[in-house]
PDB file of N, CA and C in Angstrom:
ATOM      1  N   MET A   1       0.826  -1.395  -0.025  1.00  0.00           N
ATOM      2  CA  MET A   1      -0.231  -0.110   0.089  1.00  0.00           C
ATOM      3  C   MET A   1       0.926   1.089   0.151  1.00  0.00           C
ATOM      4  N   GLU A   2       0.512   2.146  -0.977  1.00  0.00           N
ATOM      5  CA  GLU A   2       1.300   3.456  -0.841  1.00  0.00           C
ATOM      6  C   GLU A   2       0.169   4.799  -0.682  1.00  0.00           C
ATOM      7  N   ASP A   3       0.674   5.732  -0.448  1.00  0.00           N
ATOM      8  CA  ASP A   3       0.139   7.000  -0.328  1.00  0.00           C
ATOM      9  C   ASP A   3      -0.342   7.461  -1.837  1.00  0.00           C
ATOM     10  N   ALA A   4      -2.106   8.161  -1.861  1.00  0.00           N
ATOM     11  CA  ALA A   4      -2.316   8.776  -2.709  1.00  0.00           C
ATOM     12  C   ALA A   4      -3.083   9.384  -2.789  1.00  0.00           C
ATOM     13  N   TYR A   5      -3.353  10.438  -3.473  1.00  0.00           N
ATOM     14  CA  TYR A   5      -4.450  11.542  -3.382  1.00  0.00           C
ATOM     15  C   TYR A   5      -5.939  10.994  -3.915  1.00  0.00           C
ATOM     16  N   SER A   6      -7.267  11.326  -3.146  1.00  0.00           N
ATOM     17  CA  SER A   6      -8.208  11.060  -3.601  1.00  0.00           C
ATOM     18  C   SER A   6      -9.177  12.224  -4.044  1.00  0.00           C
ATOM     19  N   TYR A   7      -9.595  12.407  -5.267  1.00  0.00           N
ATOM     20  CA  TYR A   7     -10.129  13.791  -5.456  1.00  0.00           C
ATOM     21  C   TYR A   7     -11.417  13.520  -5.176  1.00  0.00           C
ATOM     22  N   LEU A   8     -11.870  12.365  -5.034  1.00  0.00           N
ATOM     23  CA  LEU A   8     -13.454  12.045  -4.041  1.00  0.00           C
ATOM     24  C   LEU A   8     -13.654  12.688  -2.734  1.00  0.00           C
ATOM     25  N   PHE A   9     -12.433  12.239  -1.693  1.00  0.00           N
ATOM     26  CA  PHE A   9     -12.342  12.889  -0.513  1.00  0.00           C
ATOM     27  C   PHE A   9     -11.348  13.933  -0.177  1.00  0.00           C
ATOM     28  N   ASN A  10     -10.574  14.302  -1.562  1.00  0.00           N
ATOM     29  CA  ASN A  10      -9.997  15.970  -1.219  1.00  0.00           C
ATOM     30  C   ASN A  10      -8.790  15.344  -0.136  1.00  0.00           C
ATOM     31  N   ARG A  11      -8.255  14.363   0.094  1.00  0.00           N
ATOM     32  CA  ARG A  11      -7.403  13.739   0.839  1.00  0.00           C
ATOM     33  C   ARG A  11      -6.720  12.680   0.454  1.00  0.00           C
ATOM     34  N   ASP A  12      -5.056  12.728   1.368  1.00  0.00           N
ATOM     35  CA  ASP A  12      -4.247  11.854   1.029  1.00  0.00           C
ATOM     36  C   ASP A  12      -4.746  10.785   1.500  1.00  0.00           C
ATOM     37  N   GLN A  13      -4.798   9.547   1.134  1.00  0.00           N
ATOM     38  CA  GLN A  13      -5.358   8.018   1.353  1.00  0.00           C
ATOM     39  C   GLN A  13      -4.124   7.173   1.118  1.00  0.00           C
ATOM     40  N   LYS A  14      -4.337   5.658   1.792  1.00  0.00           N
ATOM     41  CA  LYS A  14      -3.791   4.422   1.523  1.00  0.00           C
ATOM     42  C   LYS A  14      -4.435   3.790   0.648  1.00  0.00           C
ATOM     43  N   ILE A  15      -3.937   3.462  -0.269  1.00  0.00           N
ATOM     44  CA  ILE A  15      -4.719   2.659  -1.553  1.00  0.00           C
ATOM     45  C   ILE A  15      -3.598   1.762  -1.970  1.00  0.00           C
ATOM     46  N   ARG A  16      -4.358   0.773  -2.851  1.00  0.00           N
ATOM     47  CA  ARG A  16      -3.600   0.022  -3.877  1.00  0.00           C
ATOM     48  C   ARG A  16      -2.730   0.544  -4.643  1.00  0.00           C
ATOM     49  N   LYS A  17      -1.599   0.340  -5.208  1.00  0.00           N
ATOM     50  CA  LYS A  17      -0.871   0.925  -5.830  1.00  0.00           C
ATOM     51  C   LYS A  17      -1.578   1.079  -7.623  1.00  0.00           C
ATOM     52  N   ASP A  18      -1.656   2.389  -7.902  1.00  0.00           N
ATOM     53  CA  ASP A  18      -2.384   2.847  -9.083  1.00  0.00           C
ATOM     54  C   ASP A  18      -1.495   1.815 -10.092  1.00  0.00           C
ATOM     55  N   ILE A  19      -2.639   1.077 -11.105  1.00  0.00           N
ATOM     56  CA  ILE A  19      -1.876   0.567 -12.124  1.00  0.00           C
ATOM     57  C   ILE A  19      -2.727   1.200 -13.177  1.00  0.00           C
ATOM     58  N   ARG A  20      -3.297   2.303 -13.284  1.00  0.00           N
ATOM     59  CA  ARG A  20      -3.845   2.619 -14.695  1.00  0.00           C
ATOM     60  C   ARG A  20      -2.564   3.177 -15.446  1.00  0.00           C
ATOM     61  N   ALA A  21      -2.671   3.010 -16.797  1.00  0.00           N
ATOM     62  CA  ALA A  21      -1.763   3.327 -17.843  1.00  0.00           C
ATOM     63  C   ALA A  21      -1.781   5.116 -18.054  1.00  0.00           C
ATOM     64  N   ASN A  22      -2.992   5.629 -17.510  1.00  0.00           N
ATOM     65  CA  ASN A  22      -3.307   7.168 -17.699  1.00  0.00           C
ATOM     66  C   ASN A  22      -3.535   7.630 -16.864  1.00  0.00           C
ATOM     67  N   GLU A  23      -2.874   8.725 -16.310  1.00  0.00           N
ATOM     68  CA  GLU A  23      -2.769   9.348 -15.097  1.00  0.00           C
ATOM     69  C   GLU A  23      -4.479  10.136 -15.050  1.00  0.00           C
ATOM     70  N   ARG A  24      -4.694  10.046 -13.880  1.00  0.00           N
ATOM     71  CA  ARG A  24      -6.208  10.616 -13.364  1.00  0.00           C
ATOM     72  C   ARG A  24      -5.965  12.248 -13.096  1.00  0.00           C
ATOM     73  N   ILE A  25      -6.867  13.368 -13.292  1.00  0.00           N
ATOM     74  CA  ILE A  25      -6.634  14.382 -12.912  1.00  0.00           C
ATOM     75  C   ILE A  25      -7.987  14.833 -12.304  1.00  0.00           C
ATOM     76  N   LYS A  26      -7.939  16.008 -11.704  1.00  0.00           N
ATOM     77  CA  LYS A  26      -9.070  16.279 -11.023  1.00  0.00           C
ATOM     78  C   LYS A  26     -10.065  16.841 -11.957  1.00  0.00           C
ATOM     79  N   TYR A  27     -11.412  16.596 -11.525  1.00  0.00           N
ATOM     80  CA  TYR A  27     -12.119  17.224 -12.614  1.00  0.00           C
ATOM     81  C   TYR A  27     -13.299  17.285 -11.931  1.00  0.00           C
ATOM     82  N   ASN A  28     -13.767  18.799 -11.607  1.00  0.00           N
ATOM     83  CA  ASN A  28     -15.048  19.132 -10.891  1.00  0.00           C
ATOM     84  C   ASN A  28     -16.105  19.990 -11.232  1.00  0.00           C
ATOM     85  N   ASN A  29     -16.897  19.043 -12.239  1.00  0.00           N
ATOM     86  CA  ASN A  29     -17.855  19.572 -13.287  1.00  0.00           C
ATOM     87  C   ASN A  29     -18.725  18.315 -13.325  1.00  0.00           C
ATOM     88  N   HIS A  30     -20.197  19.215 -13.369  1.00  0.00           N
ATOM     89  CA  HIS A  30     -21.297  18.144 -13.438  1.00  0.00           C
ATOM     90  C   HIS A  30     -21.132  17.884 -15.204  1.00  0.00           C
ATOM     91  N   PHE A  31     -21.800  17.049 -15.682  1.00  0.00           N
ATOM     92  CA  PHE A  31     -22.326  16.587 -16.792  1.00  0.00           C
ATOM     93  C   PHE A  31     -23.336  15.785 -17.122  1.00  0.00           C
ATOM     94  N   LYS A  32     -23.769  15.388 -18.205  1.00  0.00           N
ATOM     95  CA  LYS A  32     -24.943  15.035 -18.678  1.00  0.00           C
ATOM     96  C   LYS A  32     -24.893  13.630 -19.051  1.00  0.00           C
ATOM     97  N   VAL A  33     -25.795  12.638 -18.394  1.00  0.00           N
ATOM     98  CA  VAL A  33     -25.832  11.504 -19.023  1.00  0.00           C
ATOM     99  C   VAL A  33     -27.237  11.189 -19.952  1.00  0.00           C
ATOM    100  N   ILE A  34     -27.150  11.163 -21.050  1.00  0.00           N
ATOM    101  CA  ILE A  34     -28.342  11.026 -22.046  1.00  0.00           C
ATOM    102  C   ILE A  34     -28.943   9.796 -22.277  1.00  0.00           C
ATOM    103  N   GLY A  35     -28.194   8.858 -22.003  1.00  0.00           N
ATOM    104  CA  GLY A  35     -28.723   7.638 -22.255  1.00  0.00           C
ATOM    105  C   GLY A  35     -27.977   6.262 -21.575  1.00  0.00           C
ATOM    106  N   ILE A  36     -28.664   5.416 -21.053  1.00  0.00           N
ATOM    107  CA  ILE A  36     -28.048   4.302 -20.122  1.00  0.00           C
ATOM    108  C   ILE A  36     -28.774   3.093 -20.779  1.00  0.00           C
ATOM    109  N   ASN A  37     -28.206   2.079 -21.381  1.00  0.00           N
ATOM    110  CA  ASN A  37     -28.191   0.967 -21.942  1.00  0.00           C
ATOM    111  C   ASN A  37     -28.745   0.927 -23.068  1.00  0.00           C
ATOM    112  N   ASN A  38     -29.170   2.405 -24.263  1.00  0.00           N
ATOM    113  CA  ASN A  38     -29.567   2.553 -25.282  1.00  0.00           C
ATOM    114  C   ASN A  38     -31.119   3.012 -24.563  1.00  0.00           C
ATOM    115  N   LYS A  39     -31.164   3.624 -23.941  1.00  0.00           N
ATOM    116  CA  LYS A  39     -32.785   4.005 -23.085  1.00  0.00           C
ATOM    117  C   LYS A  39     -32.471   5.644 -22.929  1.00  0.00           C
ATOM    118  N   ASN A  40     -33.093   6.332 -23.366  1.00  0.00           N
ATOM    119  CA  ASN A  40     -33.108   7.634 -23.121  1.00  0.00           C
ATOM    120  C   ASN A  40     -33.089   8.128 -22.053  1.00  0.00           C
ATOM    121  N   CYS A  41     -32.121   9.070 -21.395  1.00  0.00           N
ATOM    122  CA  CYS A  41     -32.373   9.740 -20.032  1.00  0.00           C
ATOM    123  C   CYS A  41     -32.001  11.147 -20.147  1.00  0.00           C
ATOM    124  N   ASN A  42     -32.293  11.686 -18.983  1.00  0.00           N
ATOM    125  CA  ASN A  42     -31.671  13.172 -18.736  1.00  0.00           C
ATOM    126  C   ASN A  42     -31.121  13.307 -17.431  1.00  0.00           C
ATOM    127  N   TYR A  43     -29.907  12.832 -16.811  1.00  0.00           N
ATOM    128  CA  TYR A  43     -29.235  12.890 -15.486  1.00  0.00           C
ATOM    129  C   TYR A  43     -28.170  13.910 -15.626  1.00  0.00           C
ATOM    130  N   GLN A  44     -28.125  14.561 -14.648  1.00  0.00           N
ATOM    131  CA  GLN A  44     -26.847  15.363 -14.283  1.00  0.00           C
ATOM    132  C   GLN A  44     -26.292  14.447 -13.359  1.00  0.00           C
ATOM    133  N   VAL A  45     -24.684  14.163 -13.147  1.00  0.00           N
ATOM    134  CA  VAL A  45     -23.800  13.774 -12.421  1.00  0.00           C
ATOM    135  C   VAL A  45     -22.840  14.489 -12.210  1.00  0.00           C
ATOM    136  N   PHE A  46     -21.762  14.316 -11.193  1.00  0.00           N
ATOM    137  CA  PHE A  46     -20.723  15.203 -10.802  1.00  0.00           C
ATOM    138  C   PHE A  46     -19.823  14.616 -11.180  1.00  0.00           C
ATOM    139  N   GLY A  47     -18.684  14.936 -12.046  1.00  0.00           N
ATOM    140  CA  GLY A  47     -17.548  14.204 -12.375  1.00  0.00           C
ATOM    141  C   GLY A  47     -16.235  14.514 -11.052  1.00  0.00           C
ATOM    142  N   VAL A  48     -15.396  13.554 -10.817  1.00  0.00           N
ATOM    143  CA  VAL A  48     -14.702  13.934  -9.495  1.00  0.00           C
ATOM    144  C   VAL A  48     -13.391  13.541 -10.486  1.00  0.00           C
ATOM    145  N   ASP A  49     -12.938  12.815 -11.138  1.00  0.00           N
ATOM    146  CA  ASP A  49     -11.890  12.724 -11.960  1.00  0.00           C
ATOM    147  C   ASP A  49     -11.653  11.896 -13.247  1.00  0.00           C
ATOM    148  N   ILE A  50     -10.875  12.152 -14.079  1.00  0.00           N
ATOM    149  CA  ILE A  50     -10.867  12.091 -15.463  1.00  0.00           C
ATOM    150  C   ILE A  50      -9.566  11.648 -16.007  1.00  0.00           C
ATOM    151  N   SER A  51      -9.570  10.768 -16.833  1.00  0.00           N
ATOM    152  CA  SER A  51      -8.162  10.711 -17.577  1.00  0.00           C
ATOM    153  C   SER A  51      -8.449  10.480 -19.110  1.00  0.00           C
ATOM    154  N   VAL A  52      -7.704  10.002 -19.769  1.00  0.00           N
ATOM    155  CA  VAL A  52      -7.724   9.534 -21.541  1.00  0.00           C
ATOM    156  C   VAL A  52      -8.566   8.066 -21.630  1.00  0.00           C
ATOM    157  N   SER A  53      -8.475   7.579 -20.439  1.00  0.00           N
ATOM    158  CA  SER A  53      -9.028   6.125 -20.266  1.00  0.00           C
ATOM    159  C   SER A  53     -10.305   6.276 -19.502  1.00  0.00           C
ATOM    160  N   GLY A  54     -10.946   6.770 -19.126  1.00  0.00           N
ATOM    161  CA  GLY A  54     -12.233   6.919 -18.560  1.00  0.00           C
ATOM    162  C   GLY A  54     -12.398   8.342 -17.373  1.00  0.00           C
ATOM    163  N   MET A  55     -13.875   7.970 -16.396  1.00  0.00           N
ATOM    164  CA  MET A  55     -13.875   8.887 -15.699  1.00  0.00           C
ATOM    165  C   MET A  55     -14.346   8.212 -14.413  1.00  0.00           C
ATOM    166  N   GLY A  56     -14.089   8.992 -13.217  1.00  0.00           N
ATOM    167  CA  GLY A  56     -14.887   8.826 -11.947  1.00  0.00           C
ATOM    168  C   GLY A  56     -16.132   9.681 -11.563  1.00  0.00           C
ATOM    169  N   PHE A  57     -17.206   9.477 -11.086  1.00  0.00           N
ATOM    170  CA  PHE A  57     -18.306  10.510 -11.140  1.00  0.00           C
ATOM    171  C   PHE A  57     -19.305   9.942  -9.814  1.00  0.00           C
ATOM    172  N   LEU A  58     -19.847  10.883  -9.113  1.00  0.00           N
ATOM    173  CA  LEU A  58     -21.013  10.642  -8.270  1.00  0.00           C
ATOM    174  C   LEU A  58     -22.543  10.983  -8.745  1.00  0.00           C
ATOM    175  N   THR A  59     -23.005   9.815  -8.560  1.00  0.00           N
ATOM    176  CA  THR A  59     -24.329   9.757  -8.898  1.00  0.00           C
ATOM    177  C   THR A  59     -25.248   9.449  -7.785  1.00  0.00           C
ATOM    178  N   GLU A  60     -26.512  10.073  -8.230  1.00  0.00           N
ATOM    179  CA  GLU A  60     -27.398   9.246  -7.099  1.00  0.00           C
ATOM    180  C   GLU A  60     -28.761   8.385  -7.654  1.00  0.00           C
ATOM    181  N   VAL A  61     -28.010   8.005  -9.009  1.00  0.00           N
ATOM    182  CA  VAL A  61     -29.049   7.007  -9.711  1.00  0.00           C
ATOM    183  C   VAL A  61     -27.924   5.640  -9.502  1.00  0.00           C
ATOM    184  N   GLN A  62     -28.649   4.699  -9.058  1.00  0.00           N
ATOM    185  CA  GLN A  62     -28.351   3.352  -8.959  1.00  0.00           C
ATOM    186  C   GLN A  62     -27.610   2.597 -10.272  1.00  0.00           C
ATOM    187  N   LEU A  63     -26.331   2.556 -10.691  1.00  0.00           N
ATOM    188  CA  LEU A  63     -26.010   2.214 -11.947  1.00  0.00           C
ATOM    189  C   LEU A  63     -25.295   0.605 -11.439  1.00  0.00           C
ATOM    190  N   GLU A  64     -24.978  -0.233 -12.564  1.00  0.00           N
ATOM    191  CA  GLU A  64     -24.523  -1.553 -12.384  1.00  0.00           C
ATOM    192  C   GLU A  64     -23.180  -1.959 -13.271  1.00  0.00           C
ATOM    193  N   LYS A  65     -22.633  -2.285 -12.557  1.00  0.00           N
ATOM    194  CA  LYS A  65     -21.153  -2.924 -13.405  1.00  0.00           C
ATOM    195  C   LYS A  65     -21.548  -3.442 -14.784  1.00  0.00           C
ATOM    196  N   GLY A  66     -21.083  -2.827 -15.762  1.00  0.00           N
ATOM    197  CA  GLY A  66     -21.321  -3.179 -17.166  1.00  0.00           C
ATOM    198  C   GLY A  66     -22.326  -2.208 -17.948  1.00  0.00           C
ATOM    199  N   ASP A  67     -22.920  -1.517 -17.380  1.00  0.00           N
ATOM    200  CA  ASP A  67     -23.869  -0.647 -18.058  1.00  0.00           C
ATOM    201  C   ASP A  67     -23.266   0.239 -18.818  1.00  0.00           C
ATOM    202  N   LEU A  68     -23.686   0.569 -20.382  1.00  0.00           N
ATOM    203  CA  LEU A  68     -23.010   1.620 -21.102  1.00  0.00           C
ATOM    204  C   LEU A  68     -23.995   2.975 -20.806  1.00  0.00           C
ATOM    205  N   LEU A  69     -23.165   4.333 -20.702  1.00  0.00           N
ATOM    206  CA  LEU A  69     -23.927   5.519 -20.630  1.00  0.00           C
ATOM    207  C   LEU A  69     -23.503   6.050 -21.715  1.00  0.00           C
ATOM    208  N   GLU A  70     -24.455   6.655 -22.532  1.00  0.00           N
ATOM    209  CA  GLU A  70     -24.101   7.884 -23.150  1.00  0.00           C
ATOM    210  C   GLU A  70     -23.735   9.260 -22.883  1.00  0.00           C
ATOM    211  N   ILE A  71     -22.871   9.751 -22.951  1.00  0.00           N
ATOM    212  CA  ILE A  71     -22.571  11.335 -21.740  1.00  0.00           C
ATOM    213  C   ILE A  71     -22.008  12.280 -22.835  1.00  0.00           C
ATOM    214  N   VAL A  72     -22.414  13.497 -22.413  1.00  0.00           N
ATOM    215  CA  VAL A  72     -21.710  14.786 -23.059  1.00  0.00           C
ATOM    216  C   VAL A  72     -20.899  15.574 -21.722  1.00  0.00           C
ATOM    217  N   PHE A  73     -19.765  15.708 -22.004  1.00  0.00           N
ATOM    218  CA  PHE A  73     -19.131  16.464 -21.060  1.00  0.00           C
ATOM    219  C   PHE A  73     -18.245  17.450 -21.396  1.00  0.00           C
ATOM    220  N   ARG A  74     -17.867  18.436 -20.765  1.00  0.00           N
ATOM    221  CA  ARG A  74     -17.196  19.807 -21.024  1.00  0.00           C
ATOM    222  C   ARG A  74     -15.757  19.859 -20.510  1.00  0.00           C
ATOM    223  N   TYR A  75     -14.993  19.700 -21.543  1.00  0.00           N
ATOM    224  CA  TYR A  75     -13.519  19.687 -20.901  1.00  0.00           C
ATOM    225  C   TYR A  75     -12.810  20.706 -21.868  1.00  0.00           C
ATOM    226  N   LYS A  76     -12.063  21.708 -21.272  1.00  0.00           N
ATOM    227  CA  LYS A  76     -11.113  22.717 -21.822  1.00  0.00           C
ATOM    228  C   LYS A  76     -12.296  23.436 -22.852  1.00  0.00           C
ATOM    229  N   ASN A  77     -13.335  24.047 -22.396  1.00  0.00           N
ATOM    230  CA  ASN A  77     -14.425  24.778 -23.502  1.00  0.00           C
ATOM    231  C   ASN A  77     -14.611  23.998 -24.525  1.00  0.00           C
ATOM    232  N   VAL A  78     -14.850  22.401 -24.338  1.00  0.00           N
ATOM    233  CA  VAL A  78     -14.969  21.688 -25.759  1.00  0.00           C
ATOM    234  C   VAL A  78     -16.022  20.572 -25.203  1.00  0.00           C
ATOM    235  N   ASP A  79     -17.299  20.458 -25.738  1.00  0.00           N
ATOM    236  CA  ASP A  79     -18.510  19.478 -25.259  1.00  0.00           C
ATOM    237  C   ASP A  79     -17.981  18.558 -25.858  1.00  0.00           C
ATOM    238  N   ILE A  80     -17.994  17.213 -25.255  1.00  0.00           N
ATOM    239  CA  ILE A  80     -17.384  15.927 -25.817  1.00  0.00           C
ATOM    240  C   ILE A  80     -18.200  15.077 -25.422  1.00  0.00           C
ATOM    241  N   PRO A  81     -18.812  14.121 -26.588  1.00  0.00           N
ATOM    242  CA  PRO A  81     -19.906  12.752 -26.649  1.00  0.00           C
ATOM    243  C   PRO A  81     -18.786  11.752 -26.344  1.00  0.00           C
ATOM    244  N   ALA A  82     -19.045  11.050 -25.468  1.00  0.00           N
ATOM    245  CA  ALA A  82     -18.379   9.628 -25.113  1.00  0.00           C
ATOM    246  C   ALA A  82     -19.562   8.460 -25.262  1.00  0.00           C
ATOM    247  N   VAL A  83     -19.372   7.442 -24.980  1.00  0.00           N
ATOM    248  CA  VAL A  83     -19.803   6.295 -24.344  1.00  0.00           C
ATOM    249  C   VAL A  83     -19.181   5.660 -23.397  1.00  0.00           C
ATOM    250  N   LEU A  84     -19.617   5.466 -22.044  1.00  0.00           N
ATOM    251  CA  LEU A  84     -18.520   4.901 -20.624  1.00  0.00           C
ATOM    252  C   LEU A  84     -19.269   3.355 -20.718  1.00  0.00           C
ATOM    253  N   LYS A  85     -18.261   2.638 -20.197  1.00  0.00           N
ATOM    254  CA  LYS A  85     -19.033   1.348 -20.109  1.00  0.00           C
ATOM    255  C   LYS A  85     -18.477   1.350 -18.130  1.00  0.00           C
ATOM    256  N   ILE A  86     -19.370   1.238 -17.508  1.00  0.00           N
ATOM    257  CA  ILE A  86     -19.161   1.201 -16.044  1.00  0.00           C
ATOM    258  C   ILE A  86     -18.169  -0.370 -15.210  1.00  0.00           C
ATOM    259  N   VAL A  87     -17.399   0.027 -14.710  1.00  0.00           N
ATOM    260  CA  VAL A  87     -16.180  -0.660 -14.294  1.00  0.00           C
ATOM    261  C   VAL A  87     -16.243  -0.906 -12.826  1.00  0.00           C
ATOM    262  N   HIS A  88     -16.889  -0.152 -11.705  1.00  0.00           N
ATOM    263  CA  HIS A  88     -17.173  -0.273 -10.679  1.00  0.00           C
ATOM    264  C   HIS A  88     -18.224   0.486 -10.296  1.00  0.00           C
ATOM    265  N   VAL A  89     -18.986   0.282  -8.936  1.00  0.00           N
ATOM    266  CA  VAL A  89     -19.889   1.346  -8.622  1.00  0.00           C
ATOM    267  C   VAL A  89     -20.014   0.467  -6.806  1.00  0.00           C
ATOM    268  N   ASN A  90     -19.799   1.996  -5.960  1.00  0.00           N
ATOM    269  CA  ASN A  90     -19.649   1.791  -4.618  1.00  0.00           C
ATOM    270  C   ASN A  90     -20.463   3.129  -4.202  1.00  0.00           C
ATOM    271  N   LEU A  91     -20.975   2.272  -2.822  1.00  0.00           N
ATOM    272  CA  LEU A  91     -21.931   3.251  -2.289  1.00  0.00           C
ATOM    273  C   LEU A  91     -20.900   4.392  -1.408  1.00  0.00           C
ATOM    274  N   CYS A  92     -21.585   5.564  -1.235  1.00  0.00           N
ATOM    275  CA  CYS A  92     -20.673   6.523  -0.637  1.00  0.00           C
ATOM    276  C   CYS A  92     -21.966   7.618   0.395  1.00  0.00           C
ATOM    277  N   ASP A  93     -21.353   8.231   1.012  1.00  0.00           N
ATOM    278  CA  ASP A  93     -22.053   9.355   1.357  1.00  0.00           C
ATOM    279  C   ASP A  93     -23.152  10.391   0.590  1.00  0.00           C
ATOM    280  N   LYS A  94     -22.436  10.607  -0.554  1.00  0.00           N
ATOM    281  CA  LYS A  94     -23.167  11.362  -1.431  1.00  0.00           C
ATOM    282  C   LYS A  94     -24.124  10.407  -2.353  1.00  0.00           C
ATOM    283  N   GLY A  95     -24.369   9.402  -2.488  1.00  0.00           N
ATOM    284  CA  GLY A  95     -24.762   8.832  -3.311  1.00  0.00           C
ATOM    285  C   GLY A  95     -24.129   7.438  -3.859  1.00  0.00           C
ATOM    286  N   PHE A  96     -23.492   7.336  -5.037  1.00  0.00           N
ATOM    287  CA  PHE A  96     -22.579   6.421  -5.522  1.00  0.00           C
ATOM    288  C   PHE A  96     -21.383   6.799  -6.393  1.00  0.00           C
ATOM    289  N   PHE A  97     -20.223   6.200  -5.861  1.00  0.00           N
ATOM    290  CA  PHE A  97     -18.990   6.729  -6.648  1.00  0.00           C
ATOM    291  C   PHE A  97     -18.964   5.587  -7.606  1.00  0.00           C
ATOM    292  N   VAL A  98     -18.961   5.805  -9.159  1.00  0.00           N
ATOM    293  CA  VAL A  98     -18.693   5.157 -10.181  1.00  0.00           C
ATOM    294  C   VAL A  98     -17.759   5.472 -10.842  1.00  0.00           C
ATOM    295  N   GLY A  99     -17.006   4.112 -11.310  1.00  0.00           N
ATOM    296  CA  GLY A  99     -15.695   4.635 -12.042  1.00  0.00           C
ATOM    297  C   GLY A  99     -16.229   3.829 -13.500  1.00  0.00           C
ATOM    298  N   ALA A 100     -15.543   4.534 -14.726  1.00  0.00           N
ATOM    299  CA  ALA A 100     -16.217   4.070 -15.742  1.00  0.00           C
ATOM    300  C   ALA A 100     -15.279   4.205 -16.889  1.00  0.00           C
ATOM    301  N   ARG A 101     -15.045   3.289 -18.036  1.00  0.00           N
ATOM    302  CA  ARG A 101     -14.199   3.652 -19.092  1.00  0.00           C
ATOM    303  C   ARG A 101     -14.960   3.718 -20.379  1.00  0.00           C
ATOM    304  N   PHE A 102     -14.164   4.610 -21.054  1.00  0.00           N
ATOM    305  CA  PHE A 102     -14.427   5.257 -22.164  1.00  0.00           C
ATOM    306  C   PHE A 102     -14.374   3.861 -23.173  1.00  0.00           C
ATOM    307  N   ILE A 103     -15.530   3.592 -23.995  1.00  0.00           N
ATOM    308  CA  ILE A 103     -15.506   2.749 -24.774  1.00  0.00           C
ATOM    309  C   ILE A 103     -15.792   3.408 -26.274  1.00  0.00           C
ATOM    310  N   VAL A 104     -16.232   4.527 -26.495  1.00  0.00           N
ATOM    311  CA  VAL A 104     -16.389   5.354 -27.542  1.00  0.00           C
ATOM    312  C   VAL A 104     -15.740   6.863 -27.494  1.00  0.00           C
ATOM    313  N   LEU A 105     -14.659   7.087 -27.692  1.00  0.00           N
ATOM    314  CA  LEU A 105     -14.109   8.503 -28.016  1.00  0.00           C
ATOM    315  C   LEU A 105     -13.301   8.836 -29.006  1.00  0.00           C
ATOM    316  N   LYS A 106     -13.699   9.891 -29.689  1.00  0.00           N
ATOM    317  CA  LYS A 106     -12.739   9.915 -30.841  1.00  0.00           C
ATOM    318  C   LYS A 106     -11.660  10.367 -30.720  1.00  0.00           C
ATOM    319  N   ASP A 107     -10.385  10.048 -31.566  1.00  0.00           N
ATOM    320  CA  ASP A 107      -9.333  10.416 -31.599  1.00  0.00           C
ATOM    321  C   ASP A 107      -9.058  11.803 -31.419  1.00  0.00           C
ATOM    322  N   THR A 108      -9.783  13.029 -31.565  1.00  0.00           N
ATOM    323  CA  THR A 108      -9.610  14.252 -31.664  1.00  0.00           C
ATOM    324  C   THR A 108      -9.877  15.013 -29.996  1.00  0.00           C
ATOM    325  N   TYR A 109     -10.924  14.242 -29.343  1.00  0.00           N
ATOM    326  CA  TYR A 109     -11.213  14.087 -28.107  1.00  0.00           C
ATOM    327  C   TYR A 109      -9.879  13.822 -27.197  1.00  0.00           C
ATOM    328  N   LYS A 110      -9.531  12.195 -27.564  1.00  0.00           N
ATOM    329  CA  LYS A 110      -8.609  11.891 -26.902  1.00  0.00           C
ATOM    330  C   LYS A 110      -7.411  12.665 -26.602  1.00  0.00           C
ATOM    331  N   LYS A 111      -7.008  13.526 -27.759  1.00  0.00           N
ATOM    332  CA  LYS A 111      -5.908  14.423 -27.756  1.00  0.00           C
ATOM    333  C   LYS A 111      -6.288  15.447 -26.876  1.00  0.00           C
ATOM    334  N   ILE A 112      -7.228  16.179 -26.894  1.00  0.00           N
ATOM    335  CA  ILE A 112      -7.674  17.132 -25.952  1.00  0.00           C
ATOM    336  C   ILE A 112      -7.601  16.894 -24.650  1.00  0.00           C
ATOM    337  N   LEU A 113      -8.007  15.511 -24.255  1.00  0.00           N
ATOM    338  CA  LEU A 113      -8.253  14.990 -22.990  1.00  0.00           C
ATOM    339  C   LEU A 113      -6.313  14.643 -22.674  1.00  0.00           C
ATOM    340  N   LYS A 114      -5.465  14.583 -23.448  1.00  0.00           N
ATOM    341  CA  LYS A 114      -3.861  14.364 -23.276  1.00  0.00           C
ATOM    342  C   LYS A 114      -3.493  15.517 -22.575  1.00  0.00           C
ATOM    343  N   GLN A 115      -3.982  16.647 -23.266  1.00  0.00           N
ATOM    344  CA  GLN A 115      -3.533  18.013 -23.090  1.00  0.00           C
ATOM    345  C   GLN A 115      -3.806  18.242 -21.497  1.00  0.00           C
ATOM    346  N   ARG A 116      -2.641  18.625 -20.665  1.00  0.00           N
ATOM    347  CA  ARG A 116      -3.194  19.161 -19.279  1.00  0.00           C
ATOM    348  C   ARG A 116      -3.072  20.880 -19.213  1.00  0.00           C
TER     349      ARG A 116
END
């Protein structure tokens, strides 16, 4: 175990070594979920962190591992459409903390996410 910073809890904490290939950065913005498993919806969720690989966010809507989300989020003044696949869902004080991987994200937008 080693120290790492949690953007969800805004503190250092002991966590497993991060084995992600792409570094996560803080992302404090609401974004829209416009579809879940090919069904239209209109939810606002709160982004916690982001990388080229995926996003972590808070939601009051219970989601399941494997769900597919169609989203639109704003990064560096660009509205980016994407599809996420839910990797994990954890209950927390503010609802559910969800980790998801991008499965559809155009290369143009990946380049924007790589810019720090």
